[in-house]
Amino acid sequence: MTAVLEETWVLARRELTHWRQQPVGVIVNWLFTVMVALMFGGLFGGAIGADYFDYLMPGMFALAMFFGVEATMTAVSTDAAKGVTDRFRSLPINSASVVLGRCLADLMNSAVGLAVLVGAAAALGWRWHEGLGSALAAFGLLLLLRFALLWVGIFLGLVVKGPESVTMVQILVWPVGFLSGVFVDPDTMPAWLGTIAQWNPLSATAAASRDLFGNPGLVPDHALLLAVLWPLLLTAIFLPLSVHRHRRLNS
């Protein structure tokens, strides 16, 4: 276990050096969700109500965690296409260390991106209205969702072949993100569409975060429970699948 942890940190540091070598891409990635929040806040805020920005931001925090699936999948797929993954597999290291290193680096990346988004929201007037403990619990739920979605991204990156498949998955990220309670209350949607949106993991995390932050929005009774169960379920499914797929690459 000690060796796995040491190897994981070494491989995570490899990803972190890319921040220093390619800072523009990393910064643009952090600012992208800020731009989306500003765009939708400006588009819908005047029509929906003055408190829409307070409703929107917890949803945007959850959406930022979800958008990381695309970045993780692309990075893993690129490493596989360039032969980097094969080089790692030829080294005397545990297969789990490779995917855990990617997971740790991307989780730190997402934590910084979330901090940037929260800072921008605070500068524009968003506030949480409950205590610090509730706010930290909300941020914990957001990072828990990101941790689970990391394994989805890693698995997809190991499975997809070629730029066409990567592009197809990238396109599907947007409908899944929008078909949720991020931007509007699912109760305002047609019944069948609202039901789908309610059971979207993003909706559960967004609703639970709104409740913990004290921001406006109707919170279903099961939102907090689902905000915990969904990430645990996704992790239980995709973590072993990712490790197994990495071990059996090209076989």
C-alpha atoms as a PDB file:
ATOM      1  CA  MET A   1       0.000   0.000   0.000  1.00  0.00           C
ATOM      2  CA  THR A   2       2.899   2.351   0.795  1.00  0.00           C
ATOM      3  CA  ALA A   3       4.374   1.712  -2.642  1.00  0.00           C
ATOM      4  CA  VAL A   4       1.012   2.362  -4.316  1.00  0.00           C
ATOM      5  CA  LEU A   5       0.656   5.686  -2.491  1.00  0.00           C
ATOM      6  CA  GLU A   6       4.198   6.743  -3.402  1.00  0.00           C
ATOM      7  CA  GLU A   7       3.674   5.800  -7.057  1.00  0.00           C
ATOM      8  CA  THR A   8       0.317   7.599  -7.087  1.00  0.00           C
ATOM      9  CA  TRP A   9       1.896  10.810  -5.856  1.00  0.00           C
ATOM     10  CA  VAL A  10       4.756  10.586  -8.391  1.00  0.00           C
ATOM     11  CA  LEU A  11       2.268  10.157 -11.251  1.00  0.00           C
ATOM     12  CA  ALA A  12       0.052  12.937  -9.899  1.00  0.00           C
ATOM     13  CA  ARG A  13       3.079  15.262  -9.847  1.00  0.00           C
ATOM     14  CA  ARG A  14       3.609  14.453 -13.518  1.00  0.00           C
ATOM     15  CA  GLU A  15       0.169  15.881 -14.258  1.00  0.00           C
ATOM     16  CA  LEU A  16       0.760  18.885 -12.017  1.00  0.00           C
ATOM     17  CA  THR A  17       3.931  19.816 -13.941  1.00  0.00           C
ATOM     18  CA  HIS A  18       1.702  20.318 -16.967  1.00  0.00           C
ATOM     19  CA  TRP A  19       0.091  23.231 -15.117  1.00  0.00           C
ATOM     20  CA  ARG A  20       3.448  25.014 -15.084  1.00  0.00           C
ATOM     21  CA  GLN A  21       4.308  24.043 -18.648  1.00  0.00           C
ATOM     22  CA  GLN A  22       0.876  24.845 -20.112  1.00  0.00           C
ATOM     23  CA  PRO A  23      -0.635  27.485 -17.789  1.00  0.00           C
ATOM     24  CA  VAL A  24      -2.869  29.097 -20.398  1.00  0.00           C
ATOM     25  CA  GLY A  25      -4.945  25.982 -21.014  1.00  0.00           C
ATOM     26  CA  VAL A  26      -5.354  25.332 -17.287  1.00  0.00           C
ATOM     27  CA  ILE A  27      -6.397  28.925 -16.550  1.00  0.00           C
ATOM     28  CA  VAL A  28      -8.873  28.956 -19.440  1.00  0.00           C
ATOM     29  CA  ASN A  29     -10.360  25.726 -18.113  1.00  0.00           C
ATOM     30  CA  TRP A  30     -10.800  27.299 -14.656  1.00  0.00           C
ATOM     31  CA  LEU A  31     -12.421  30.423 -16.120  1.00  0.00           C
ATOM     32  CA  PHE A  32     -14.763  28.579 -18.493  1.00  0.00           C
ATOM     33  CA  THR A  33     -17.411  27.852 -15.852  1.00  0.00           C
ATOM     34  CA  VAL A  34     -17.180  31.476 -14.678  1.00  0.00           C
ATOM     35  CA  MET A  35     -18.060  32.536 -18.215  1.00  0.00           C
ATOM     36  CA  VAL A  36     -20.984  30.075 -18.349  1.00  0.00           C
ATOM     37  CA  ALA A  37     -22.293  31.360 -15.004  1.00  0.00           C
ATOM     38  CA  LEU A  38     -22.103  34.954 -16.187  1.00  0.00           C
ATOM     39  CA  MET A  39     -23.805  34.073 -19.464  1.00  0.00           C
ATOM     40  CA  PHE A  40     -26.738  32.182 -17.974  1.00  0.00           C
ATOM     41  CA  GLY A  41     -27.066  34.562 -15.049  1.00  0.00           C
ATOM     42  CA  GLY A  42     -27.380  37.413 -17.517  1.00  0.00           C
ATOM     43  CA  LEU A  43     -29.702  35.554 -19.889  1.00  0.00           C
ATOM     44  CA  PHE A  44     -32.163  34.188 -17.336  1.00  0.00           C
ATOM     45  CA  GLY A  45     -31.674  36.420 -14.297  1.00  0.00           C
ATOM     46  CA  GLY A  46     -33.847  39.291 -15.452  1.00  0.00           C
ATOM     47  CA  ALA A  47     -36.665  37.046 -16.666  1.00  0.00           C
ATOM     48  CA  ILE A  48     -36.789  34.668 -13.688  1.00  0.00           C
ATOM     49  CA  GLY A  49     -36.183  36.980 -10.747  1.00  0.00           C
ATOM     50  CA  ALA A  50     -33.699  38.955  -8.693  1.00  0.00           C
ATOM     51  CA  ASP A  51     -32.674  35.932  -6.610  1.00  0.00           C
ATOM     52  CA  TYR A  52     -31.920  33.771  -9.645  1.00  0.00           C
ATOM     53  CA  PHE A  53     -28.164  34.265  -9.282  1.00  0.00           C
ATOM     54  CA  ASP A  54     -28.308  32.816  -5.746  1.00  0.00           C
ATOM     55  CA  TYR A  55     -30.297  29.872  -7.139  1.00  0.00           C
ATOM     56  CA  LEU A  56     -27.941  29.417 -10.101  1.00  0.00           C
ATOM     57  CA  MET A  57     -24.550  29.337  -8.420  1.00  0.00           C
ATOM     58  CA  PRO A  58     -24.865  26.075  -6.407  1.00  0.00           C
ATOM     59  CA  GLY A  59     -26.030  24.454  -9.642  1.00  0.00           C
ATOM     60  CA  MET A  60     -23.041  25.920 -11.460  1.00  0.00           C
ATOM     61  CA  PHE A  61     -20.723  24.515  -8.801  1.00  0.00           C
ATOM     62  CA  ALA A  62     -22.185  21.057  -9.486  1.00  0.00           C
ATOM     63  CA  LEU A  63     -21.983  21.586 -13.256  1.00  0.00           C
ATOM     64  CA  ALA A  64     -18.308  22.541 -12.950  1.00  0.00           C
ATOM     65  CA  MET A  65     -17.680  19.192 -11.270  1.00  0.00           C
ATOM     66  CA  PHE A  66     -19.504  17.440 -14.101  1.00  0.00           C
ATOM     67  CA  PHE A  67     -17.635  19.259 -16.866  1.00  0.00           C
ATOM     68  CA  GLY A  68     -14.437  17.721 -15.489  1.00  0.00           C
ATOM     69  CA  VAL A  69     -15.511  14.376 -16.999  1.00  0.00           C
ATOM     70  CA  GLU A  70     -14.667  15.745 -20.427  1.00  0.00           C
ATOM     71  CA  ALA A  71     -11.194  16.953 -19.426  1.00  0.00           C
ATOM     72  CA  THR A  72     -10.335  13.697 -17.657  1.00  0.00           C
ATOM     73  CA  MET A  73     -11.569  11.556 -20.533  1.00  0.00           C
ATOM     74  CA  THR A  74      -9.625  13.602 -23.103  1.00  0.00           C
ATOM     75  CA  ALA A  75      -6.387  13.474 -21.086  1.00  0.00           C
ATOM     76  CA  VAL A  76      -6.611   9.703 -20.536  1.00  0.00           C
ATOM     77  CA  SER A  77      -7.494   9.073 -24.174  1.00  0.00           C
ATOM     78  CA  THR A  78      -4.591  11.258 -25.344  1.00  0.00           C
ATOM     79  CA  ASP A  79      -2.118   9.399 -23.114  1.00  0.00           C
ATOM     80  CA  ALA A  80      -3.356   6.084 -24.517  1.00  0.00           C
ATOM     81  CA  ALA A  81      -3.122   7.311 -28.132  1.00  0.00           C
ATOM     82  CA  LYS A  82       0.423   8.650 -27.667  1.00  0.00           C
ATOM     83  CA  GLY A  83       1.677   5.453 -26.056  1.00  0.00           C
ATOM     84  CA  VAL A  84       2.204   7.033 -22.632  1.00  0.00           C
ATOM     85  CA  THR A  85      -0.168   4.527 -21.031  1.00  0.00           C
ATOM     86  CA  ASP A  86       1.742   1.626 -22.609  1.00  0.00           C
ATOM     87  CA  ARG A  87       4.995   2.986 -21.163  1.00  0.00           C
ATOM     88  CA  PHE A  88       3.455   3.126 -17.709  1.00  0.00           C
ATOM     89  CA  ARG A  89       2.239  -0.445 -18.074  1.00  0.00           C
ATOM     90  CA  SER A  90       5.766  -1.582 -18.932  1.00  0.00           C
ATOM     91  CA  LEU A  91       7.131  -0.132 -15.684  1.00  0.00           C
ATOM     92  CA  PRO A  92       7.287  -2.144 -12.439  1.00  0.00           C
ATOM     93  CA  ILE A  93       4.455  -0.180 -10.812  1.00  0.00           C
ATOM     94  CA  ASN A  94       0.963  -1.111  -9.705  1.00  0.00           C
ATOM     95  CA  SER A  95      -1.723  -0.570 -12.347  1.00  0.00           C
ATOM     96  CA  ALA A  96      -3.924   1.087  -9.770  1.00  0.00           C
ATOM     97  CA  SER A  97      -1.264   3.765  -9.192  1.00  0.00           C
ATOM     98  CA  VAL A  98      -1.632   5.041 -12.754  1.00  0.00           C
ATOM     99  CA  VAL A  99      -5.364   5.688 -12.544  1.00  0.00           C
ATOM    100  CA  LEU A 100      -5.114   6.876  -8.924  1.00  0.00           C
ATOM    101  CA  GLY A 101      -2.441   9.387  -9.957  1.00  0.00           C
ATOM    102  CA  ARG A 102      -4.715  10.743 -12.668  1.00  0.00           C
ATOM    103  CA  CYS A 103      -7.591  10.848 -10.173  1.00  0.00           C
ATOM    104  CA  LEU A 104      -5.590  12.763  -7.552  1.00  0.00           C
ATOM    105  CA  ALA A 105      -4.233  15.323 -10.038  1.00  0.00           C
ATOM    106  CA  ASP A 106      -7.629  15.980 -11.604  1.00  0.00           C
ATOM    107  CA  LEU A 107      -9.290  16.232  -8.190  1.00  0.00           C
ATOM    108  CA  MET A 108      -6.799  18.929  -7.161  1.00  0.00           C
ATOM    109  CA  ASN A 109      -7.401  20.670 -10.483  1.00  0.00           C
ATOM    110  CA  SER A 110     -11.142  20.620  -9.859  1.00  0.00           C
ATOM    111  CA  ALA A 111     -10.715  21.905  -6.300  1.00  0.00           C
ATOM    112  CA  VAL A 112      -8.790  24.922  -7.592  1.00  0.00           C
ATOM    113  CA  GLY A 113     -11.373  25.455 -10.355  1.00  0.00           C
ATOM    114  CA  LEU A 114     -14.173  25.303  -7.773  1.00  0.00           C
ATOM    115  CA  ALA A 115     -12.348  27.851  -5.608  1.00  0.00           C
ATOM    116  CA  VAL A 116     -12.002  30.183  -8.608  1.00  0.00           C
ATOM    117  CA  LEU A 117     -15.711  29.851  -9.400  1.00  0.00           C
ATOM    118  CA  VAL A 118     -16.717  30.444  -5.763  1.00  0.00           C
ATOM    119  CA  GLY A 119     -14.460  33.511  -5.628  1.00  0.00           C
ATOM    120  CA  ALA A 120     -15.964  34.918  -8.812  1.00  0.00           C
ATOM    121  CA  ALA A 121     -19.498  34.247  -7.527  1.00  0.00           C
ATOM    122  CA  ALA A 122     -18.703  35.980  -4.233  1.00  0.00           C
ATOM    123  CA  ALA A 123     -17.315  38.982  -6.121  1.00  0.00           C
ATOM    124  CA  LEU A 124     -20.601  39.195  -8.054  1.00  0.00           C
ATOM    125  CA  GLY A 125     -22.721  39.104  -4.915  1.00  0.00           C
ATOM    126  CA  TRP A 126     -23.413  35.428  -4.197  1.00  0.00           C
ATOM    127  CA  ARG A 127     -23.321  34.452  -0.524  1.00  0.00           C
ATOM    128  CA  TRP A 128     -24.100  31.397   1.564  1.00  0.00           C
ATOM    129  CA  HIS A 129     -26.533  32.122   4.381  1.00  0.00           C
ATOM    130  CA  GLU A 130     -25.943  29.185   6.707  1.00  0.00           C
ATOM    131  CA  GLY A 131     -22.944  28.563   8.950  1.00  0.00           C
ATOM    132  CA  LEU A 132     -19.434  27.657   7.879  1.00  0.00           C
ATOM    133  CA  GLY A 133     -20.044  24.014   8.750  1.00  0.00           C
ATOM    134  CA  SER A 134     -22.968  23.766   6.339  1.00  0.00           C
ATOM    135  CA  ALA A 135     -20.954  25.480   3.618  1.00  0.00           C
ATOM    136  CA  LEU A 136     -18.036  23.072   4.091  1.00  0.00           C
ATOM    137  CA  ALA A 137     -20.486  20.158   3.917  1.00  0.00           C
ATOM    138  CA  ALA A 138     -21.801  21.527   0.606  1.00  0.00           C
ATOM    139  CA  PHE A 139     -18.286  21.827  -0.801  1.00  0.00           C
ATOM    140  CA  GLY A 140     -17.605  18.291   0.416  1.00  0.00           C
ATOM    141  CA  LEU A 141     -20.635  17.012  -1.520  1.00  0.00           C
ATOM    142  CA  LEU A 142     -19.426  18.825  -4.638  1.00  0.00           C
ATOM    143  CA  LEU A 143     -15.949  17.289  -4.422  1.00  0.00           C
ATOM    144  CA  LEU A 144     -17.474  13.888  -3.677  1.00  0.00           C
ATOM    145  CA  LEU A 145     -19.416  14.161  -6.933  1.00  0.00           C
ATOM    146  CA  ARG A 146     -16.243  15.166  -8.768  1.00  0.00           C
ATOM    147  CA  PHE A 147     -14.359  12.215  -7.284  1.00  0.00           C
ATOM    148  CA  ALA A 148     -17.029   9.822  -8.545  1.00  0.00           C
ATOM    149  CA  LEU A 149     -17.178  11.435 -11.985  1.00  0.00           C
ATOM    150  CA  LEU A 150     -13.395  11.193 -12.265  1.00  0.00           C
ATOM    151  CA  TRP A 151     -13.731   7.429 -12.508  1.00  0.00           C
ATOM    152  CA  VAL A 152     -16.383   7.814 -15.189  1.00  0.00           C
ATOM    153  CA  GLY A 153     -13.998  10.014 -17.170  1.00  0.00           C
ATOM    154  CA  ILE A 154     -11.055   7.663 -16.681  1.00  0.00           C
ATOM    155  CA  PHE A 155     -13.076   4.661 -17.790  1.00  0.00           C
ATOM    156  CA  LEU A 156     -14.424   6.460 -20.869  1.00  0.00           C
ATOM    157  CA  GLY A 157     -10.928   7.661 -21.750  1.00  0.00           C
ATOM    158  CA  LEU A 158      -9.659   4.074 -21.653  1.00  0.00           C
ATOM    159  CA  VAL A 159     -12.578   2.756 -23.717  1.00  0.00           C
ATOM    160  CA  VAL A 160     -13.053   5.323 -26.491  1.00  0.00           C
ATOM    161  CA  LYS A 161     -10.932   4.938 -29.602  1.00  0.00           C
ATOM    162  CA  GLY A 162     -10.071   7.777 -31.949  1.00  0.00           C
ATOM    163  CA  PRO A 163     -10.946  11.495 -31.969  1.00  0.00           C
ATOM    164  CA  GLU A 164     -14.431  10.831 -33.362  1.00  0.00           C
ATOM    165  CA  SER A 165     -15.450   8.795 -30.305  1.00  0.00           C
ATOM    166  CA  VAL A 166     -13.980  11.412 -27.961  1.00  0.00           C
ATOM    167  CA  THR A 167     -15.931  14.164 -29.729  1.00  0.00           C
ATOM    168  CA  MET A 168     -19.150  12.180 -29.513  1.00  0.00           C
ATOM    169  CA  VAL A 169     -18.814  11.745 -25.750  1.00  0.00           C
ATOM    170  CA  GLN A 170     -17.894  15.423 -25.359  1.00  0.00           C
ATOM    171  CA  ILE A 171     -21.090  16.420 -27.156  1.00  0.00           C
ATOM    172  CA  LEU A 172     -23.190  14.202 -24.877  1.00  0.00           C
ATOM    173  CA  VAL A 173     -21.795  15.919 -21.779  1.00  0.00           C
ATOM    174  CA  TRP A 174     -23.810  19.069 -22.488  1.00  0.00           C
ATOM    175  CA  PRO A 175     -27.309  17.548 -22.739  1.00  0.00           C
ATOM    176  CA  VAL A 176     -26.742  15.521 -19.578  1.00  0.00           C
ATOM    177  CA  GLY A 177     -25.580  18.654 -17.759  1.00  0.00           C
ATOM    178  CA  PHE A 178     -28.504  20.738 -18.964  1.00  0.00           C
ATOM    179  CA  LEU A 179     -31.116  18.052 -18.281  1.00  0.00           C
ATOM    180  CA  SER A 180     -30.930  18.654 -14.543  1.00  0.00           C
ATOM    181  CA  GLY A 181     -31.873  21.104 -11.846  1.00  0.00           C
ATOM    182  CA  VAL A 182     -28.793  23.251 -12.439  1.00  0.00           C
ATOM    183  CA  PHE A 183     -30.487  26.134 -14.259  1.00  0.00           C
ATOM    184  CA  VAL A 184     -34.189  25.784 -13.412  1.00  0.00           C
ATOM    185  CA  ASP A 185     -36.339  23.825 -10.976  1.00  0.00           C
ATOM    186  CA  PRO A 186     -37.307  20.416 -12.487  1.00  0.00           C
ATOM    187  CA  ASP A 187     -40.862  21.020 -11.178  1.00  0.00           C
ATOM    188  CA  THR A 188     -41.259  23.716 -13.860  1.00  0.00           C
ATOM    189  CA  MET A 189     -40.518  21.201 -16.639  1.00  0.00           C
ATOM    190  CA  PRO A 190     -43.019  18.854 -18.311  1.00  0.00           C
ATOM    191  CA  ALA A 191     -43.717  15.943 -15.961  1.00  0.00           C
ATOM    192  CA  TRP A 192     -41.716  13.293 -17.863  1.00  0.00           C
ATOM    193  CA  LEU A 193     -38.762  15.640 -18.390  1.00  0.00           C
ATOM    194  CA  GLY A 194     -38.828  16.833 -14.786  1.00  0.00           C
ATOM    195  CA  THR A 195     -38.749  13.240 -13.543  1.00  0.00           C
ATOM    196  CA  ILE A 196     -35.617  12.532 -15.581  1.00  0.00           C
ATOM    197  CA  ALA A 197     -34.003  15.749 -14.352  1.00  0.00           C
ATOM    198  CA  GLN A 198     -34.862  14.972 -10.720  1.00  0.00           C
ATOM    199  CA  TRP A 199     -32.971  11.672 -10.883  1.00  0.00           C
ATOM    200  CA  ASN A 200     -29.908  13.227 -12.495  1.00  0.00           C
ATOM    201  CA  PRO A 201     -27.006  13.055  -9.993  1.00  0.00           C
ATOM    202  CA  LEU A 202     -26.308  16.729 -10.745  1.00  0.00           C
ATOM    203  CA  SER A 203     -29.801  17.683  -9.565  1.00  0.00           C
ATOM    204  CA  ALA A 204     -29.316  15.917  -6.232  1.00  0.00           C
ATOM    205  CA  THR A 205     -25.972  17.591  -5.552  1.00  0.00           C
ATOM    206  CA  ALA A 206     -27.223  20.999  -6.725  1.00  0.00           C
ATOM    207  CA  ALA A 207     -30.376  20.795  -4.577  1.00  0.00           C
ATOM    208  CA  ALA A 208     -28.502  19.557  -1.499  1.00  0.00           C
ATOM    209  CA  SER A 209     -25.892  22.297  -1.945  1.00  0.00           C
ATOM    210  CA  ARG A 210     -28.597  24.970  -2.182  1.00  0.00           C
ATOM    211  CA  ASP A 211     -30.089  23.686   1.048  1.00  0.00           C
ATOM    212  CA  LEU A 212     -26.728  23.656   2.857  1.00  0.00           C
ATOM    213  CA  PHE A 213     -25.771  27.091   1.510  1.00  0.00           C
ATOM    214  CA  GLY A 214     -29.191  28.500   2.406  1.00  0.00           C
ATOM    215  CA  ASN A 215     -29.808  29.619  -1.176  1.00  0.00           C
ATOM    216  CA  PRO A 216     -33.315  29.739  -2.703  1.00  0.00           C
ATOM    217  CA  GLY A 217     -34.909  26.738  -4.382  1.00  0.00           C
ATOM    218  CA  LEU A 218     -37.225  23.877  -3.526  1.00  0.00           C
ATOM    219  CA  VAL A 219     -35.248  20.991  -2.066  1.00  0.00           C
ATOM    220  CA  PRO A 220     -36.723  17.466  -2.363  1.00  0.00           C
ATOM    221  CA  ASP A 221     -36.680  15.428   0.827  1.00  0.00           C
ATOM    222  CA  HIS A 222     -34.352  12.844  -0.736  1.00  0.00           C
ATOM    223  CA  ALA A 223     -31.856  15.329  -2.230  1.00  0.00           C
ATOM    224  CA  LEU A 224     -29.195  15.063   0.491  1.00  0.00           C
ATOM    225  CA  LEU A 225     -29.400  11.266   0.575  1.00  0.00           C
ATOM    226  CA  LEU A 226     -29.109  11.026  -3.214  1.00  0.00           C
ATOM    227  CA  ALA A 227     -26.241  13.537  -3.211  1.00  0.00           C
ATOM    228  CA  VAL A 228     -24.301  10.980  -1.162  1.00  0.00           C
ATOM    229  CA  LEU A 229     -25.587   7.753  -2.706  1.00  0.00           C
ATOM    230  CA  TRP A 230     -25.113   8.702  -6.362  1.00  0.00           C
ATOM    231  CA  PRO A 231     -21.340   9.373  -6.059  1.00  0.00           C
ATOM    232  CA  LEU A 232     -20.848   6.241  -3.957  1.00  0.00           C
ATOM    233  CA  LEU A 233     -22.685   4.159  -6.549  1.00  0.00           C
ATOM    234  CA  LEU A 234     -20.765   5.659  -9.480  1.00  0.00           C
ATOM    235  CA  THR A 235     -17.462   5.106  -7.679  1.00  0.00           C
ATOM    236  CA  ALA A 236     -18.353   1.515  -6.811  1.00  0.00           C
ATOM    237  CA  ILE A 237     -19.079   0.831 -10.486  1.00  0.00           C
ATOM    238  CA  PHE A 238     -16.429   2.783 -12.389  1.00  0.00           C
ATOM    239  CA  LEU A 239     -13.391   2.596 -10.083  1.00  0.00           C
ATOM    240  CA  PRO A 240     -12.937  -1.190 -10.445  1.00  0.00           C
ATOM    241  CA  LEU A 241     -13.929  -0.975 -14.119  1.00  0.00           C
ATOM    242  CA  SER A 242     -11.203   1.634 -14.717  1.00  0.00           C
ATOM    243  CA  VAL A 243      -8.515  -0.393 -12.977  1.00  0.00           C
ATOM    244  CA  HIS A 244      -9.603  -3.581 -14.751  1.00  0.00           C
ATOM    245  CA  ARG A 245      -9.693  -1.844 -18.135  1.00  0.00           C
ATOM    246  CA  HIS A 246      -6.229  -0.367 -17.605  1.00  0.00           C
ATOM    247  CA  ARG A 247      -4.809  -3.793 -16.811  1.00  0.00           C
ATOM    248  CA  ARG A 248      -6.362  -5.311 -19.936  1.00  0.00           C
ATOM    249  CA  LEU A 249      -5.518  -2.580 -22.444  1.00  0.00           C
ATOM    250  CA  ASN A 250      -4.710  -3.967 -25.886  1.00  0.00           C
ATOM    251  CA  SER A 251      -5.670  -7.458 -24.741  1.00  0.00           C
END
